[in-house]
């Protein structure tokens, strides 16, 4: 279930400019910080689920991209 939540979070990030802007302003430069940001937005996910979601997610919208997030290092 947490994997599904992580995938929904990535979908929202991709299609919502405001959410994506908030993420980049928060300087989420690691996987841990991305997960903390997701938690703050109500998406409770684990590191394993987020990693799997980043690997599996297929971008669907022409507006935004989550590609830079795939390169985030683990750790704080």
Protein backbone atom coordinates (compact mmCIF):
# COMPACT_ATOMS: atom_id res chain seq x y z
CA UNK A 1 0.00 0.00 0.00
CA UNK A 2 2.83 2.42 0.73
CA UNK A 3 4.18 1.83 -2.79
CA UNK A 4 0.83 2.93 -4.20
CA UNK A 5 1.00 6.02 -1.96
CA UNK A 6 4.51 6.82 -3.22
CA UNK A 7 3.36 6.48 -6.83
CA UNK A 8 0.41 8.81 -6.18
CA UNK A 9 2.79 11.34 -4.60
CA UNK A 10 5.04 11.26 -7.68
CA UNK A 11 2.01 11.67 -9.94
CA UNK A 12 0.91 14.76 -8.00
CA UNK A 13 4.45 16.15 -8.12
CA UNK A 14 4.54 15.70 -11.85
CA UNK A 15 1.21 17.36 -12.59
CA UNK A 16 1.08 20.12 -9.94
CA UNK A 17 3.42 23.05 -10.52
CA UNK A 18 2.80 24.45 -7.05
CA UNK A 19 3.72 21.22 -5.27
CA UNK A 20 6.82 20.79 -7.41
CA UNK A 21 7.87 24.40 -6.68
CA UNK A 22 7.42 23.83 -2.94
CA UNK A 23 9.61 20.73 -3.18
CA UNK A 24 12.41 22.55 -4.98
CA UNK A 25 12.23 25.53 -2.62
CA UNK A 26 12.52 23.13 0.34
CA UNK A 27 15.87 21.99 -1.11
CA UNK A 28 15.04 18.30 -0.93
CA UNK A 29 18.46 17.19 -2.11
CA UNK A 30 18.37 13.65 -0.74
CA UNK A 31 15.97 10.75 -0.65
CA UNK A 32 15.39 11.28 3.08
CA UNK A 33 14.41 14.91 2.52
CA UNK A 34 12.08 13.91 -0.32
CA UNK A 35 10.39 11.43 2.02
CA UNK A 36 10.12 14.06 4.75
CA UNK A 37 8.50 16.42 2.25
CA UNK A 38 6.06 13.68 1.20
CA UNK A 39 5.20 13.03 4.86
CA UNK A 40 4.53 16.74 5.34
CA UNK A 41 2.04 16.60 2.48
CA UNK A 42 0.24 13.58 3.97
CA UNK A 43 1.92 10.84 1.95
CA UNK A 44 3.29 8.28 4.42
CA UNK A 45 5.91 6.22 2.58
CA UNK A 46 9.06 4.31 3.41
CA UNK A 47 12.46 4.71 1.80
CA UNK A 48 12.12 1.34 0.06
CA UNK A 49 8.71 2.25 -1.33
CA UNK A 50 9.90 5.65 -2.58
CA UNK A 51 12.95 4.08 -4.22
CA UNK A 52 10.78 1.49 -5.95
CA UNK A 53 8.26 4.15 -6.98
CA UNK A 54 11.00 6.33 -8.49
CA UNK A 55 12.22 3.32 -10.48
CA UNK A 56 8.76 2.26 -11.65
CA UNK A 57 6.96 5.57 -12.19
CA UNK A 58 6.20 6.39 -15.81
CA UNK A 59 5.74 10.09 -16.46
CA UNK A 60 2.28 10.89 -17.80
CA UNK A 61 1.99 14.66 -18.08
CA UNK A 62 3.78 17.04 -20.45
CA UNK A 63 4.05 19.88 -17.90
CA UNK A 64 6.46 18.66 -15.24
CA UNK A 65 9.09 16.07 -14.74
CA UNK A 66 10.29 14.04 -11.79
CA UNK A 67 13.47 12.98 -13.57
CA UNK A 68 15.82 14.96 -11.27
CA UNK A 69 14.38 13.08 -8.28
CA UNK A 70 15.55 9.76 -9.68
CA UNK A 71 19.13 10.91 -9.09
CA UNK A 72 18.76 11.85 -5.41
CA UNK A 73 21.32 10.28 -3.09
CA UNK A 74 20.21 8.42 0.03
CA UNK A 75 20.89 10.05 3.37
CA UNK A 76 20.41 13.49 4.81
